[in-house]
C-alpha atoms as a PDB file:
ATOM      1  CA  MET A   1     163.928  16.515-132.531  1.00  0.00           C
ATOM      2  CA  ARG A   2     163.247  20.081-131.389  1.00  0.00           C
ATOM      3  CA  VAL A   3     166.368  21.631-129.838  1.00  0.00           C
ATOM      4  CA  LEU A   4     166.743  24.982-128.105  1.00  0.00           C
ATOM      5  CA  VAL A   5     170.289  26.223-128.641  1.00  0.00           C
ATOM      6  CA  ASP A   6     171.866  28.272-125.856  1.00  0.00           C
ATOM      7  CA  THR A   7     173.510  31.602-126.663  1.00  0.00           C
ATOM      8  CA  CYS A   8     176.986  30.334-125.760  1.00  0.00           C
ATOM      9  CA  VAL A   9     176.750  27.618-128.410  1.00  0.00           C
ATOM     10  CA  ILE A  10     175.885  30.111-131.141  1.00  0.00           C
ATOM     11  CA  VAL A  11     178.647  32.493-130.074  1.00  0.00           C
ATOM     12  CA  ASP A  12     181.164  29.620-129.920  1.00  0.00           C
ATOM     13  CA  ALA A  13     180.429  28.860-133.569  1.00  0.00           C
ATOM     14  CA  LEU A  14     180.385  32.462-134.780  1.00  0.00           C
ATOM     15  CA  GLN A  15     183.612  33.332-132.994  1.00  0.00           C
ATOM     16  CA  SER A  16     185.312  29.984-133.702  1.00  0.00           C
ATOM     17  CA  ARG A  17     186.091  29.556-130.014  1.00  0.00           C
ATOM     18  CA  VAL A  18     188.554  26.756-129.376  1.00  0.00           C
ATOM     19  CA  PRO A  19     187.984  24.017-128.242  1.00  0.00           C
ATOM     20  CA  PHE A  20     184.202  24.351-128.736  1.00  0.00           C
ATOM     21  CA  ALA A  21     183.963  25.522-132.354  1.00  0.00           C
ATOM     22  CA  GLU A  22     184.369  22.203-134.142  1.00  0.00           C
ATOM     23  CA  ALA A  23     181.384  20.527-132.487  1.00  0.00           C
ATOM     24  CA  VAL A  24     179.091  23.548-132.640  1.00  0.00           C
ATOM     25  CA  GLN A  25     179.921  24.259-136.274  1.00  0.00           C
ATOM     26  CA  LYS A  26     178.953  20.644-137.000  1.00  0.00           C
ATOM     27  CA  LEU A  27     175.636  21.343-135.289  1.00  0.00           C
ATOM     28  CA  PHE A  28     175.131  24.303-137.628  1.00  0.00           C
ATOM     29  CA  ILE A  29     175.606  21.943-140.576  1.00  0.00           C
ATOM     30  CA  TYR A  30     173.175  19.426-139.059  1.00  0.00           C
ATOM     31  CA  SER A  31     170.632  22.194-138.586  1.00  0.00           C
ATOM     32  CA  ALA A  32     171.083  23.367-142.184  1.00  0.00           C
ATOM     33  CA  ASN A  33     170.565  19.765-143.336  1.00  0.00           C
ATOM     34  CA  LYS A  34     167.408  19.449-141.194  1.00  0.00           C
ATOM     35  CA  LYS A  35     168.840  16.703-138.959  1.00  0.00           C
ATOM     36  CA  PHE A  36     167.015  18.459-136.120  1.00  0.00           C
ATOM     37  CA  GLU A  37     164.798  21.502-135.651  1.00  0.00           C
ATOM     38  CA  GLY A  38     166.999  24.172-134.116  1.00  0.00           C
ATOM     39  CA  TYR A  39     165.628  27.118-132.169  1.00  0.00           C
ATOM     40  CA  ILE A  40     167.096  30.176-130.494  1.00  0.00           C
ATOM     41  CA  THR A  41     165.282  32.658-128.306  1.00  0.00           C
ATOM     42  CA  THR A  42     164.666  36.225-129.356  1.00  0.00           C
ATOM     43  CA  LYS A  43     166.377  37.215-126.117  1.00  0.00           C
ATOM     44  CA  SER A  44     169.494  35.381-127.305  1.00  0.00           C
ATOM     45  CA  VAL A  45     169.437  37.268-130.592  1.00  0.00           C
ATOM     46  CA  THR A  46     170.102  40.596-128.879  1.00  0.00           C
ATOM     47  CA  ASP A  47     173.025  39.084-126.968  1.00  0.00           C
ATOM     48  CA  ILE A  48     174.383  37.483-130.141  1.00  0.00           C
ATOM     49  CA  TYR A  49     174.078  40.798-131.982  1.00  0.00           C
ATOM     50  CA  TYR A  50     175.953  42.629-129.218  1.00  0.00           C
ATOM     51  CA  LEU A  51     178.790  40.094-128.971  1.00  0.00           C
ATOM     52  CA  THR A  52     179.142  39.761-132.736  1.00  0.00           C
ATOM     53  CA  HIS A  53     179.104  43.516-133.304  1.00  0.00           C
ATOM     54  CA  ARG A  54     181.940  43.896-130.780  1.00  0.00           C
ATOM     55  CA  LEU A  55     184.056  41.752-133.104  1.00  0.00           C
ATOM     56  CA  THR A  56     182.924  43.017-136.496  1.00  0.00           C
ATOM     57  CA  HIS A  57     182.528  46.705-135.573  1.00  0.00           C
ATOM     58  CA  SER A  58     180.012  46.769-138.411  1.00  0.00           C
ATOM     59  CA  ASP A  59     176.257  46.911-138.078  1.00  0.00           C
ATOM     60  CA  THR A  60     175.864  45.806-141.698  1.00  0.00           C
ATOM     61  CA  GLU A  61     178.132  42.769-141.266  1.00  0.00           C
ATOM     62  CA  THR A  62     176.502  41.806-137.965  1.00  0.00           C
ATOM     63  CA  ARG A  63     173.042  41.981-139.521  1.00  0.00           C
ATOM     64  CA  LYS A  64     174.218  39.747-142.396  1.00  0.00           C
ATOM     65  CA  ILE A  65     175.438  37.204-139.855  1.00  0.00           C
ATOM     66  CA  LEU A  66     172.093  37.326-138.024  1.00  0.00           C
ATOM     67  CA  SER A  67     170.219  36.891-141.306  1.00  0.00           C
ATOM     68  CA  LYS A  68     172.211  33.725-142.027  1.00  0.00           C
ATOM     69  CA  LEU A  69     171.571  32.528-138.492  1.00  0.00           C
ATOM     70  CA  PHE A  70     167.827  33.012-139.005  1.00  0.00           C
ATOM     71  CA  THR A  71     167.961  30.629-141.979  1.00  0.00           C
ATOM     72  CA  LEU A  72     169.451  27.919-139.749  1.00  0.00           C
ATOM     73  CA  PHE A  73     167.386  28.372-136.598  1.00  0.00           C
ATOM     74  CA  HIS A  74     163.774  29.187-135.809  1.00  0.00           C
ATOM     75  CA  LEU A  75     163.092  31.989-133.334  1.00  0.00           C
ATOM     76  CA  LEU A  76     161.211  31.502-130.067  1.00  0.00           C
ATOM     77  CA  ASP A  77     159.706  34.393-128.183  1.00  0.00           C
ATOM     78  CA  THR A  78     160.377  34.596-124.475  1.00  0.00           C
ATOM     79  CA  THR A  79     157.145  35.575-122.775  1.00  0.00           C
ATOM     80  CA  SER A  80     156.376  37.455-119.609  1.00  0.00           C
ATOM     81  CA  LEU A  81     155.109  34.169-118.166  1.00  0.00           C
ATOM     82  CA  ASP A  82     158.505  32.541-118.842  1.00  0.00           C
ATOM     83  CA  CYS A  83     160.172  35.379-116.929  1.00  0.00           C
ATOM     84  CA  ARG A  84     157.694  35.144-114.051  1.00  0.00           C
ATOM     85  CA  LYS A  85     158.047  31.373-113.727  1.00  0.00           C
ATOM     86  CA  ALA A  86     161.842  31.640-113.852  1.00  0.00           C
ATOM     87  CA  ILE A  87     161.800  33.844-110.732  1.00  0.00           C
ATOM     88  CA  SER A  88     160.705  30.887-108.603  1.00  0.00           C
ATOM     89  CA  SER A  89     162.776  28.290-110.462  1.00  0.00           C
ATOM     90  CA  GLU A  90     165.238  26.059-108.645  1.00  0.00           C
ATOM     91  CA  ILE A  91     167.740  26.894-111.386  1.00  0.00           C
ATOM     92  CA  VAL A  92     170.080  29.421-109.809  1.00  0.00           C
ATOM     93  CA  ASP A  93     171.065  31.394-112.918  1.00  0.00           C
ATOM     94  CA  TYR A  94     168.039  33.485-113.893  1.00  0.00           C
ATOM     95  CA  GLU A  95     168.878  33.587-117.623  1.00  0.00           C
ATOM     96  CA  ASP A  96     169.182  29.791-117.661  1.00  0.00           C
ATOM     97  CA  ALA A  97     165.883  29.514-115.782  1.00  0.00           C
ATOM     98  CA  ILE A  98     164.219  31.654-118.460  1.00  0.00           C
ATOM     99  CA  MET A  99     165.704  29.398-121.137  1.00  0.00           C
ATOM    100  CA  VAL A 100     164.221  26.327-119.407  1.00  0.00           C
ATOM    101  CA  GLU A 101     160.799  27.945-119.015  1.00  0.00           C
ATOM    102  CA  THR A 102     160.814  28.933-122.684  1.00  0.00           C
ATOM    103  CA  ALA A 103     161.814  25.372-123.617  1.00  0.00           C
ATOM    104  CA  ILE A 104     159.021  23.886-121.495  1.00  0.00           C
ATOM    105  CA  ARG A 105     156.346  26.174-122.921  1.00  0.00           C
ATOM    106  CA  SER A 106     157.590  25.610-126.476  1.00  0.00           C
ATOM    107  CA  GLU A 107     157.776  21.830-126.029  1.00  0.00           C
ATOM    108  CA  MET A 108     161.458  21.483-126.794  1.00  0.00           C
ATOM    109  CA  ASP A 109     162.979  18.003-126.589  1.00  0.00           C
ATOM    110  CA  CYS A 110     166.379  19.275-125.515  1.00  0.00           C
ATOM    111  CA  ILE A 111     168.472  22.313-124.653  1.00  0.00           C
ATOM    112  CA  VAL A 112     171.999  22.261-126.031  1.00  0.00           C
ATOM    113  CA  THR A 113     174.605  24.194-124.076  1.00  0.00           C
ATOM    114  CA  ARG A 114     178.168  23.798-122.906  1.00  0.00           C
ATOM    115  CA  ASN A 115     177.063  24.850-119.404  1.00  0.00           C
ATOM    116  CA  VAL A 116     175.221  21.613-118.579  1.00  0.00           C
ATOM    117  CA  LYS A 117     175.964  21.851-114.855  1.00  0.00           C
ATOM    118  CA  ASP A 118     174.069  25.144-114.658  1.00  0.00           C
ATOM    119  CA  TYR A 119     170.950  23.297-115.851  1.00  0.00           C
ATOM    120  CA  ALA A 120     171.166  20.433-113.340  1.00  0.00           C
ATOM    121  CA  LYS A 121     167.626  21.042-112.081  1.00  0.00           C
ATOM    122  CA  SER A 122     166.067  21.429-115.530  1.00  0.00           C
ATOM    123  CA  SER A 123     163.001  19.350-116.301  1.00  0.00           C
ATOM    124  CA  VAL A 124     163.995  19.547-119.984  1.00  0.00           C
ATOM    125  CA  LYS A 125     166.792  17.285-121.201  1.00  0.00           C
ATOM    126  CA  VAL A 126     170.078  19.213-121.458  1.00  0.00           C
ATOM    127  CA  CYS A 127     173.216  18.140-123.289  1.00  0.00           C
ATOM    128  CA  GLU A 128     176.497  19.462-124.601  1.00  0.00           C
ATOM    129  CA  PRO A 129     176.959  19.914-128.354  1.00  0.00           C
ATOM    130  CA  SER A 130     179.122  16.785-128.685  1.00  0.00           C
ATOM    131  CA  ALA A 131     176.481  14.696-126.886  1.00  0.00           C
ATOM    132  CA  LEU A 132     173.760  16.003-129.197  1.00  0.00           C
ATOM    133  CA  ILE A 133     175.900  15.134-132.223  1.00  0.00           C
ATOM    134  CA  LYS A 134     176.303  11.561-130.918  1.00  0.00           C
ATOM    135  CA  LEU A 135     172.562  11.327-130.311  1.00  0.00           C
ATOM    136  CA  LEU A 136     171.755  12.591-133.817  1.00  0.00           C
ATOM    137  CA  GLU A 137     174.270  10.199-135.387  1.00  0.00           C
ATOM    138  CA  LYS A 138     172.815   7.293-133.402  1.00  0.00           C
ATOM    139  CA  GLU A 139     169.318   8.211-134.643  1.00  0.00           C
ATOM    140  CA  LYS A 140     170.629   8.285-138.228  1.00  0.00           C
ATOM    141  CA  GLU A 141     172.083   4.781-137.829  1.00  0.00           C
ATOM    142  CA  THR A 142     168.738   3.375-136.662  1.00  0.00           C
ATOM    143  CA  GLU A 143     166.789   4.832-139.617  1.00  0.00           C
END
């Protein structure tokens, strides 16, 4: 399964945000164990860097964190076409619309986010981290 991981999910894990951290940290483990193919967008990386650096106050430490992240998740480029298509999307939040367009172009099976309601008009399946965990565990049982 190819899964595009929303920025908020990554930040929840890195910052151990309660009550979200437990589920998203489990997703990190599943990604490390190749239970799914995890992806993040290059656009997300800059946001993750910014938010992480605000906590660490260290460029070196933040870059180490990003390096570890890059071992867990593949990177997807966001193209100019994704941005152009997102302009006319029915998805109200422009950043979310870009995420959906990137997911469509990159043939993702799912977007994982905790902001599912913001993706109500997505043509790509969208689920919360806990729902993805249940789905992955169900797949494991049927193997």
